[in-house]
Amino acid sequence: MLETRRVDGSIRRRRECAGCGHRFTTWERSERSALSVRKRSGARQPFDRVKLRAGLLRAAHKRPVDPVRIEALVDGIEAEAERSGGELPAQRIGQICLDGLRDLDRLAYLQFAAVYKEFGDIEEVQAELAQLRATPPTQRDSLFEQSTDFAGSGAASSVRTVDDPA
């Protein structure tokens, strides 16, 4: 082996064949385990990044929300699932989505909340709107910098952006 480097979470190695002297590069990457979502019923289903992104984009349709911010929200949820052993409760994913949309665009938040919380009548929408008005938007660079409580487990976890090396 001639050289070893870390590149974007992978290991790059320059090697040389002992027989012929030919030089070549090999890459070592850790395999990602399959991520899953634990539904309210207890059933598990594969984590579907495309479905999650589509739901968030649907809530932000015709709103001034940068799709890059939506993508960052999905990346953060996926990273949290990986850090938590490959599985997240659906309630936790929904709460992260609500928190993220509340910070991005309050109308997108309300649209998502109406579907996610299954509002049955106008009074429930008005109650959510009153709560939204009473809660000022947070001023942070990333939703994933906060300390969060894991959906009823009582165990605190620190959530970070994907770019955070810690």
N, C-alpha and C. Protein backbone atom coordinates (compact mmCIF):
# COMPACT_ATOMS: atom_id res chain seq x y z
N MET A 1 0.85 -1.16 0.00
CA MET A 1 0.00 0.00 0.00
C MET A 1 0.90 1.23 0.00
N LEU A 2 0.60 2.15 -0.90
CA LEU A 2 1.43 3.35 -1.04
C LEU A 2 0.90 4.52 -0.23
N GLU A 3 -0.43 4.65 -0.19
CA GLU A 3 -1.03 5.83 0.44
C GLU A 3 -2.45 5.52 0.87
N THR A 4 -2.89 6.12 2.00
CA THR A 4 -4.26 5.99 2.49
C THR A 4 -4.77 7.38 2.84
N ARG A 5 -5.99 7.70 2.36
CA ARG A 5 -6.61 9.00 2.66
C ARG A 5 -8.08 8.82 2.95
N ARG A 6 -8.60 9.69 3.81
CA ARG A 6 -10.04 9.77 4.04
C ARG A 6 -10.61 10.80 3.07
N VAL A 7 -11.64 10.41 2.33
CA VAL A 7 -12.27 11.30 1.37
C VAL A 7 -13.79 11.13 1.48
N ASP A 8 -14.49 12.20 1.90
CA ASP A 8 -15.95 12.19 1.96
C ASP A 8 -16.52 10.95 2.66
N GLY A 9 -15.99 10.62 3.81
CA GLY A 9 -16.52 9.49 4.57
C GLY A 9 -16.07 8.13 4.06
N SER A 10 -15.19 8.11 3.09
CA SER A 10 -14.66 6.86 2.54
C SER A 10 -13.15 6.83 2.77
N ILE A 11 -12.56 5.67 2.53
CA ILE A 11 -11.11 5.55 2.61
C ILE A 11 -10.60 5.22 1.21
N ARG A 12 -9.68 6.03 0.73
CA ARG A 12 -9.07 5.84 -0.58
C ARG A 12 -7.67 5.30 -0.36
N ARG A 13 -7.36 4.19 -1.01
CA ARG A 13 -6.03 3.61 -0.87
C ARG A 13 -5.37 3.47 -2.24
N ARG A 14 -4.13 3.93 -2.33
CA ARG A 14 -3.32 3.72 -3.55
C ARG A 14 -2.48 2.48 -3.29
N ARG A 15 -2.54 1.56 -4.21
CA ARG A 15 -1.85 0.28 -4.04
C ARG A 15 -0.97 -0.01 -5.25
N GLU A 16 -0.08 -0.96 -5.05
CA GLU A 16 0.79 -1.37 -6.14
C GLU A 16 0.87 -2.89 -6.14
N CYS A 17 0.69 -3.49 -7.30
CA CYS A 17 0.76 -4.94 -7.44
C CYS A 17 2.21 -5.37 -7.21
N ALA A 18 2.41 -6.35 -6.31
CA ALA A 18 3.75 -6.83 -6.00
C ALA A 18 4.36 -7.58 -7.19
N GLY A 19 3.51 -8.17 -8.03
CA GLY A 19 4.00 -8.95 -9.16
C GLY A 19 4.45 -8.12 -10.35
N CYS A 20 3.61 -7.17 -10.77
CA CYS A 20 3.90 -6.43 -12.00
C CYS A 20 4.20 -4.95 -11.77
N GLY A 21 3.96 -4.45 -10.58
CA GLY A 21 4.23 -3.04 -10.30
C GLY A 21 3.11 -2.09 -10.72
N HIS A 22 2.00 -2.64 -11.24
CA HIS A 22 0.87 -1.79 -11.67
C HIS A 22 0.25 -1.11 -10.45
N ARG A 23 -0.01 0.17 -10.57
CA ARG A 23 -0.63 0.93 -9.48
C ARG A 23 -2.12 1.09 -9.73
N PHE A 24 -2.89 1.03 -8.65
CA PHE A 24 -4.34 1.17 -8.75
C PHE A 24 -4.88 1.74 -7.46
N THR A 25 -6.15 2.18 -7.51
CA THR A 25 -6.82 2.78 -6.36
C THR A 25 -7.97 1.90 -5.92
N THR A 26 -8.12 1.73 -4.62
CA THR A 26 -9.29 1.04 -4.08
C THR A 26 -10.01 2.00 -3.15
N TRP A 27 -11.31 1.81 -3.03
CA TRP A 27 -12.15 2.63 -2.15
C TRP A 27 -12.83 1.73 -1.14
N GLU A 28 -12.87 2.18 0.11
CA GLU A 28 -13.58 1.46 1.15
C GLU A 28 -14.67 2.37 1.68
N ARG A 29 -15.90 1.88 1.63
CA ARG A 29 -17.04 2.62 2.14
C ARG A 29 -17.85 1.70 3.02
N SER A 30 -18.38 2.24 4.10
CA SER A 30 -19.24 1.41 4.93
C SER A 30 -20.61 1.32 4.28
N GLU A 31 -21.20 0.15 4.35
CA GLU A 31 -22.53 -0.03 3.78
C GLU A 31 -23.57 0.55 4.71
N ARG A 32 -24.54 1.21 4.14
CA ARG A 32 -25.65 1.75 4.93
C ARG A 32 -26.63 0.63 5.18
N SER A 33 -27.06 0.55 6.41
CA SER A 33 -28.09 -0.44 6.72
C SER A 33 -29.44 0.09 6.24
N ALA A 34 -30.35 -0.82 6.01
CA ALA A 34 -31.68 -0.42 5.57
C ALA A 34 -32.38 0.33 6.71
N LEU A 35 -32.92 1.47 6.40
CA LEU A 35 -33.62 2.28 7.40
C LEU A 35 -35.10 1.90 7.40
N SER A 36 -35.72 2.02 8.58
CA SER A 36 -37.14 1.69 8.65
C SER A 36 -37.88 2.69 9.53
N VAL A 37 -39.18 2.69 9.36
CA VAL A 37 -40.08 3.56 10.11
C VAL A 37 -41.01 2.65 10.91
N ARG A 38 -41.14 2.93 12.20
CA ARG A 38 -42.08 2.19 13.05
C ARG A 38 -43.38 2.99 13.09
N LYS A 39 -44.42 2.44 12.53
CA LYS A 39 -45.72 3.11 12.45
C LYS A 39 -46.42 3.06 13.80
N ARG A 40 -47.47 3.84 13.95
CA ARG A 40 -48.24 3.88 15.20
C ARG A 40 -48.80 2.51 15.56
N SER A 41 -49.13 1.72 14.57
CA SER A 41 -49.69 0.38 14.79
C SER A 41 -48.64 -0.62 15.26
N GLY A 42 -47.36 -0.22 15.19
CA GLY A 42 -46.27 -1.12 15.55
C GLY A 42 -45.63 -1.77 14.34
N ALA A 43 -46.29 -1.68 13.20
CA ALA A 43 -45.73 -2.25 11.97
C ALA A 43 -44.50 -1.46 11.54
N ARG A 44 -43.61 -2.13 10.84
CA ARG A 44 -42.42 -1.46 10.32
C ARG A 44 -42.49 -1.45 8.80
N GLN A 45 -42.01 -0.35 8.24
CA GLN A 45 -41.94 -0.28 6.79
C GLN A 45 -40.63 0.41 6.43
N PRO A 46 -40.12 0.17 5.23
CA PRO A 46 -38.86 0.80 4.83
C PRO A 46 -38.98 2.32 4.80
N PHE A 47 -37.91 2.99 5.21
CA PHE A 47 -37.86 4.45 5.14
C PHE A 47 -37.86 4.83 3.67
N ASP A 48 -38.78 5.70 3.29
CA ASP A 48 -38.91 6.12 1.89
C ASP A 48 -38.62 7.61 1.79
N ARG A 49 -37.40 7.92 1.43
CA ARG A 49 -36.94 9.30 1.32
C ARG A 49 -37.77 10.09 0.31
N VAL A 50 -38.10 9.46 -0.80
CA VAL A 50 -38.86 10.13 -1.86
C VAL A 50 -40.26 10.49 -1.37
N LYS A 51 -40.89 9.58 -0.64
CA LYS A 51 -42.23 9.82 -0.10
C LYS A 51 -42.22 10.97 0.91
N LEU A 52 -41.21 10.98 1.78
CA LEU A 52 -41.08 12.04 2.78
C LEU A 52 -40.87 13.39 2.11
N ARG A 53 -39.97 13.44 1.15
CA ARG A 53 -39.68 14.69 0.43
C ARG A 53 -40.93 15.18 -0.31
N ALA A 54 -41.65 14.26 -0.93
CA ALA A 54 -42.86 14.64 -1.67
C ALA A 54 -43.91 15.24 -0.74
N GLY A 55 -44.07 14.67 0.46
CA GLY A 55 -45.03 15.20 1.41
C GLY A 55 -44.67 16.60 1.87
N LEU A 56 -43.38 16.82 2.11
CA LEU A 56 -42.94 18.16 2.53
C LEU A 56 -43.09 19.17 1.39
N LEU A 57 -42.75 18.76 0.17
CA LEU A 57 -42.89 19.66 -0.98
C LEU A 57 -44.37 19.96 -1.26
N ARG A 58 -45.22 18.98 -1.04
CA ARG A 58 -46.66 19.19 -1.23
C ARG A 58 -47.18 20.24 -0.25
N ALA A 59 -46.70 20.18 0.99
CA ALA A 59 -47.12 21.16 2.00
C ALA A 59 -46.61 22.55 1.65
N ALA A 60 -45.44 22.63 1.01
CA ALA A 60 -44.83 23.91 0.68
C ALA A 60 -45.16 24.36 -0.74
N HIS A 61 -46.08 23.67 -1.40
CA HIS A 61 -46.45 24.01 -2.78
C HIS A 61 -46.90 25.47 -2.88
N LYS A 62 -46.32 26.19 -3.84
CA LYS A 62 -46.62 27.61 -4.10
C LYS A 62 -46.29 28.52 -2.91
N ARG A 63 -45.37 28.08 -2.08
CA ARG A 63 -44.89 28.89 -0.96
C ARG A 63 -43.42 29.22 -1.23
N PRO A 64 -42.92 30.31 -0.68
CA PRO A 64 -41.52 30.70 -0.93
C PRO A 64 -40.53 29.89 -0.09
N VAL A 65 -40.55 28.59 -0.28
CA VAL A 65 -39.66 27.69 0.45
C VAL A 65 -38.65 27.12 -0.53
N ASP A 66 -37.37 27.30 -0.22
CA ASP A 66 -36.30 26.80 -1.06
C ASP A 66 -36.28 25.27 -0.99
N PRO A 67 -36.39 24.58 -2.12
CA PRO A 67 -36.35 23.11 -2.11
C PRO A 67 -35.07 22.56 -1.48
N VAL A 68 -34.00 23.33 -1.50
CA VAL A 68 -32.75 22.90 -0.88
C VAL A 68 -32.94 22.76 0.63
N ARG A 69 -33.75 23.64 1.22
CA ARG A 69 -34.02 23.56 2.66
C ARG A 69 -34.86 22.31 2.98
N ILE A 70 -35.79 21.99 2.09
CA ILE A 70 -36.59 20.77 2.26
C ILE A 70 -35.66 19.55 2.18
N GLU A 71 -34.77 19.57 1.22
CA GLU A 71 -33.82 18.47 1.06
C GLU A 71 -32.93 18.32 2.30
N ALA A 72 -32.52 19.45 2.88
CA ALA A 72 -31.71 19.42 4.10
C ALA A 72 -32.51 18.82 5.26
N LEU A 73 -33.78 19.12 5.32
CA LEU A 73 -34.65 18.56 6.36
C LEU A 73 -34.74 17.04 6.20
N VAL A 74 -34.92 16.57 4.99
CA VAL A 74 -34.98 15.13 4.72
C VAL A 74 -33.63 14.48 5.05
N ASP A 75 -32.53 15.13 4.67
CA ASP A 75 -31.20 14.60 4.98
C ASP A 75 -31.02 14.45 6.49
N GLY A 76 -31.46 15.44 7.24
CA GLY A 76 -31.34 15.39 8.69
C GLY A 76 -32.15 14.26 9.30
N ILE A 77 -33.35 14.04 8.78
CA ILE A 77 -34.19 12.95 9.28
C ILE A 77 -33.53 11.61 8.98
N GLU A 78 -33.00 11.48 7.79
CA GLU A 78 -32.33 10.24 7.41
C GLU A 78 -31.10 10.00 8.28
N ALA A 79 -30.34 11.06 8.55
CA ALA A 79 -29.15 10.94 9.40
C ALA A 79 -29.55 10.55 10.83
N GLU A 80 -30.64 11.12 11.33
CA GLU A 80 -31.10 10.76 12.67
C GLU A 80 -31.52 9.30 12.72
N ALA A 81 -32.16 8.81 11.68
CA ALA A 81 -32.55 7.40 11.62
C ALA A 81 -31.30 6.51 11.67
N GLU A 82 -30.27 6.90 10.96
CA GLU A 82 -29.03 6.12 10.97
C GLU A 82 -28.39 6.13 12.36
N ARG A 83 -28.36 7.30 13.00
CA ARG A 83 -27.76 7.40 14.34
C ARG A 83 -28.55 6.63 15.39
N SER A 84 -29.84 6.46 15.17
CA SER A 84 -30.68 5.78 16.16
C SER A 84 -30.79 4.29 15.89
N GLY A 85 -29.89 3.75 15.12
CA GLY A 85 -29.89 2.31 14.88
C GLY A 85 -30.67 1.88 13.66
N GLY A 86 -31.05 2.81 12.81
CA GLY A 86 -31.72 2.45 11.57
C GLY A 86 -33.24 2.50 11.61
N GLU A 87 -33.81 2.92 12.75
CA GLU A 87 -35.27 2.96 12.84
C GLU A 87 -35.72 4.19 13.61
N LEU A 88 -36.76 4.83 13.09
CA LEU A 88 -37.37 5.97 13.79
C LEU A 88 -38.87 5.74 13.88
N PRO A 89 -39.48 6.15 14.98
CA PRO A 89 -40.94 6.10 15.05
C PRO A 89 -41.55 7.13 14.09
N ALA A 90 -42.66 6.80 13.50
CA ALA A 90 -43.34 7.72 12.58
C ALA A 90 -43.68 9.03 13.27
N GLN A 91 -44.03 8.97 14.56
CA GLN A 91 -44.37 10.18 15.29
C GLN A 91 -43.16 11.12 15.37
N ARG A 92 -41.97 10.57 15.53
CA ARG A 92 -40.75 11.39 15.61
C ARG A 92 -40.48 12.06 14.27
N ILE A 93 -40.64 11.31 13.21
CA ILE A 93 -40.44 11.88 11.87
C ILE A 93 -41.44 13.00 11.63
N GLY A 94 -42.70 12.77 11.99
CA GLY A 94 -43.72 13.80 11.82
C GLY A 94 -43.41 15.06 12.62
N GLN A 95 -42.92 14.89 13.85
CA GLN A 95 -42.60 16.04 14.69
C GLN A 95 -41.42 16.84 14.12
N ILE A 96 -40.42 16.13 13.61
CA ILE A 96 -39.28 16.83 12.99
C ILE A 96 -39.77 17.61 11.77
N CYS A 97 -40.65 17.01 10.99
CA CYS A 97 -41.20 17.71 9.81
C CYS A 97 -41.96 18.97 10.24
N LEU A 98 -42.80 18.83 11.26
CA LEU A 98 -43.56 19.98 11.74
C LEU A 98 -42.63 21.08 12.25
N ASP A 99 -41.63 20.71 13.04
CA ASP A 99 -40.68 21.71 13.56
C ASP A 99 -39.93 22.40 12.43
N GLY A 100 -39.51 21.62 11.45
CA GLY A 100 -38.77 22.19 10.32
C GLY A 100 -39.63 23.12 9.48
N LEU A 101 -40.84 22.70 9.19
CA LEU A 101 -41.73 23.56 8.39
C LEU A 101 -42.15 24.80 9.16
N ARG A 102 -42.31 24.70 10.48
CA ARG A 102 -42.66 25.88 11.28
C ARG A 102 -41.57 26.95 11.12
N ASP A 103 -40.32 26.52 11.07
CA ASP A 103 -39.22 27.46 10.90
C ASP A 103 -39.08 27.97 9.47
N LEU A 104 -39.46 27.15 8.50
CA LEU A 104 -39.32 27.53 7.09
C LEU A 104 -40.46 28.43 6.61
N ASP A 105 -41.69 28.00 6.89
CA ASP A 105 -42.85 28.74 6.39
C ASP A 105 -44.08 28.30 7.19
N ARG A 106 -44.71 29.24 7.86
CA ARG A 106 -45.80 28.90 8.76
C ARG A 106 -47.05 28.38 8.03
N LEU A 107 -47.28 28.83 6.81
CA LEU A 107 -48.42 28.30 6.06
C LEU A 107 -48.15 26.87 5.59
N ALA A 108 -46.92 26.60 5.20
CA ALA A 108 -46.55 25.22 4.85
C ALA A 108 -46.70 24.32 6.08
N TYR A 109 -46.32 24.85 7.25
CA TYR A 109 -46.49 24.11 8.50
C TYR A 109 -47.97 23.77 8.72
N LEU A 110 -48.83 24.77 8.56
CA LEU A 110 -50.26 24.56 8.79
C LEU A 110 -50.84 23.54 7.82
N GLN A 111 -50.40 23.60 6.57
CA GLN A 111 -50.86 22.63 5.56
C GLN A 111 -50.44 21.22 5.96
N PHE A 112 -49.18 21.05 6.37
CA PHE A 112 -48.69 19.74 6.77
C PHE A 112 -49.41 19.27 8.05
N ALA A 113 -49.57 20.17 9.00
CA ALA A 113 -50.22 19.82 10.27
C ALA A 113 -51.66 19.37 10.06
N ALA A 114 -52.35 20.01 9.12
CA ALA A 114 -53.74 19.64 8.86
C ALA A 114 -53.86 18.19 8.42
N VAL A 115 -52.92 17.72 7.64
CA VAL A 115 -52.93 16.34 7.17
C VAL A 115 -52.37 15.42 8.24
N TYR A 116 -51.21 15.78 8.79
CA TYR A 116 -50.52 14.91 9.76
C TYR A 116 -51.34 14.72 11.04
N LYS A 117 -51.90 15.80 11.55
CA LYS A 117 -52.67 15.72 12.80
C LYS A 117 -54.14 15.36 12.56
N GLU A 118 -54.51 15.18 11.30
CA GLU A 118 -55.86 14.78 10.91
C GLU A 118 -56.94 15.66 11.51
N PHE A 119 -56.84 16.96 11.24
CA PHE A 119 -57.85 17.89 11.74
C PHE A 119 -59.22 17.49 11.21
N GLY A 120 -60.18 17.45 12.12
CA GLY A 120 -61.53 17.02 11.74
C GLY A 120 -62.48 18.17 11.45
N ASP A 121 -62.18 19.34 12.02
CA ASP A 121 -63.07 20.47 11.80
C ASP A 121 -62.29 21.78 11.93
N ILE A 122 -62.98 22.87 11.66
CA ILE A 122 -62.35 24.19 11.63
C ILE A 122 -61.85 24.62 13.01
N GLU A 123 -62.49 24.13 14.07
CA GLU A 123 -62.05 24.49 15.42
C GLU A 123 -60.64 23.97 15.71
N GLU A 124 -60.34 22.78 15.22
CA GLU A 124 -59.00 22.22 15.41
C GLU A 124 -57.96 23.04 14.64
N VAL A 125 -58.33 23.49 13.44
CA VAL A 125 -57.43 24.33 12.65
C VAL A 125 -57.21 25.65 13.37
N GLN A 126 -58.28 26.24 13.88
CA GLN A 126 -58.17 27.51 14.60
C GLN A 126 -57.33 27.38 15.86
N ALA A 127 -57.46 26.27 16.57
CA ALA A 127 -56.65 26.04 17.77
C ALA A 127 -55.17 25.93 17.40
N GLU A 128 -54.88 25.22 16.32
CA GLU A 128 -53.48 25.09 15.87
C GLU A 128 -52.95 26.44 15.43
N LEU A 129 -53.77 27.22 14.75
CA LEU A 129 -53.36 28.56 14.31
C LEU A 129 -53.09 29.46 15.50
N ALA A 130 -53.92 29.39 16.54
CA ALA A 130 -53.69 30.19 17.75
C ALA A 130 -52.38 29.78 18.42
N GLN A 131 -52.10 28.49 18.46
CA GLN A 131 -50.84 28.02 19.04
C GLN A 131 -49.66 28.48 18.19
N LEU A 132 -49.83 28.46 16.89
CA LEU A 132 -48.77 28.91 15.98
C LEU A 132 -48.49 30.39 16.16
N ARG A 133 -49.53 31.19 16.33
CA ARG A 133 -49.36 32.63 16.55
C ARG A 133 -48.65 32.91 17.88
N ALA A 134 -48.93 32.10 18.88
CA ALA A 134 -48.35 32.30 20.21
C ALA A 134 -46.89 31.86 20.28
N THR A 135 -46.45 31.06 19.32
CA THR A 135 -45.08 30.55 19.32
C THR A 135 -44.27 31.28 18.26
N PRO A 136 -43.30 32.11 18.68
CA PRO A 136 -42.48 32.80 17.68
C PRO A 136 -41.58 31.81 16.97
N PRO A 137 -41.26 32.07 15.70
CA PRO A 137 -40.36 31.17 14.99
C PRO A 137 -38.98 31.20 15.63
N THR A 138 -38.33 30.04 15.66
CA THR A 138 -36.99 29.98 16.23
C THR A 138 -35.99 30.52 15.23
N GLN A 139 -34.95 31.10 15.75
CA GLN A 139 -33.89 31.66 14.89
C GLN A 139 -32.65 30.79 15.06
N ARG A 140 -32.55 29.76 14.23
CA ARG A 140 -31.38 28.89 14.27
C ARG A 140 -31.01 28.53 12.84
N ASP A 141 -29.77 28.15 12.68
CA ASP A 141 -29.28 27.79 11.35
C ASP A 141 -29.83 26.45 10.90
N SER A 142 -30.03 25.53 11.85
CA SER A 142 -30.47 24.20 11.49
C SER A 142 -31.38 23.63 12.56
N LEU A 143 -32.42 22.99 12.15
CA LEU A 143 -33.33 22.30 13.06
C LEU A 143 -32.59 21.24 13.85
N PHE A 144 -31.55 20.68 13.28
CA PHE A 144 -30.87 19.55 13.87
C PHE A 144 -29.78 19.95 14.84
N GLU A 145 -29.75 21.21 15.28
CA GLU A 145 -28.83 21.64 16.31
C GLU A 145 -29.45 21.53 17.69
N GLN A 146 -30.75 21.37 17.75
CA GLN A 146 -31.45 21.35 19.03
C GLN A 146 -31.35 19.99 19.69
N SER A 147 -31.57 19.97 20.99
CA SER A 147 -31.67 18.72 21.72
C SER A 147 -33.12 18.31 21.69
N THR A 148 -33.39 17.05 21.36
CA THR A 148 -34.76 16.62 21.18
C THR A 148 -35.05 15.41 22.05
N ASP A 149 -36.33 15.18 22.31
CA ASP A 149 -36.75 14.01 23.07
C ASP A 149 -37.28 12.99 22.08
N PHE A 150 -36.81 11.78 22.19
CA PHE A 150 -37.16 10.72 21.26
C PHE A 150 -38.55 10.19 21.54
N ALA A 151 -39.52 10.60 20.80
CA ALA A 151 -40.91 10.12 20.80
C ALA A 151 -41.31 9.24 21.97
N GLY A 152 -41.34 9.86 23.14
CA GLY A 152 -41.87 9.15 24.28
C GLY A 152 -40.90 8.22 24.97
N SER A 153 -39.67 8.11 24.48
CA SER A 153 -38.74 7.18 25.10
C SER A 153 -38.11 7.76 26.35
N GLY A 154 -38.14 9.09 26.46
CA GLY A 154 -37.51 9.74 27.60
C GLY A 154 -36.01 9.88 27.43
N ALA A 155 -35.45 9.28 26.38
CA ALA A 155 -34.02 9.37 26.15
C ALA A 155 -33.73 10.57 25.28
N ALA A 156 -32.87 11.45 25.74
CA ALA A 156 -32.52 12.63 24.97
C ALA A 156 -31.48 12.25 23.93
N SER A 157 -31.59 12.87 22.76
CA SER A 157 -30.57 12.65 21.74
C SER A 157 -30.23 14.00 21.13
N SER A 158 -28.99 14.19 20.84
CA SER A 158 -28.55 15.42 20.20
C SER A 158 -28.56 15.18 18.71
N VAL A 159 -29.23 16.03 17.98
CA VAL A 159 -29.39 15.85 16.55
C VAL A 159 -28.56 16.91 15.85
N ARG A 160 -27.79 16.49 14.86
CA ARG A 160 -26.91 17.40 14.15
C ARG A 160 -27.13 17.28 12.64
N THR A 161 -26.60 18.26 11.91
CA THR A 161 -26.69 18.19 10.47
C THR A 161 -25.76 17.10 9.96
N VAL A 162 -25.97 16.67 8.73
CA VAL A 162 -25.18 15.62 8.13
C VAL A 162 -23.73 16.04 8.01
N ASP A 163 -23.47 17.35 7.81
CA ASP A 163 -22.12 17.84 7.63
C ASP A 163 -21.32 17.91 8.92
N ASP A 164 -21.97 17.79 10.06
CA ASP A 164 -21.31 17.91 11.35
C ASP A 164 -20.47 16.67 11.62
N PRO A 165 -19.15 16.80 11.76
CA PRO A 165 -18.30 15.63 11.92
C PRO A 165 -18.37 15.01 13.31
N ALA A 166 -18.95 15.70 14.28
CA ALA A 166 -18.97 15.18 15.66
C ALA A 166 -19.83 13.96 15.84
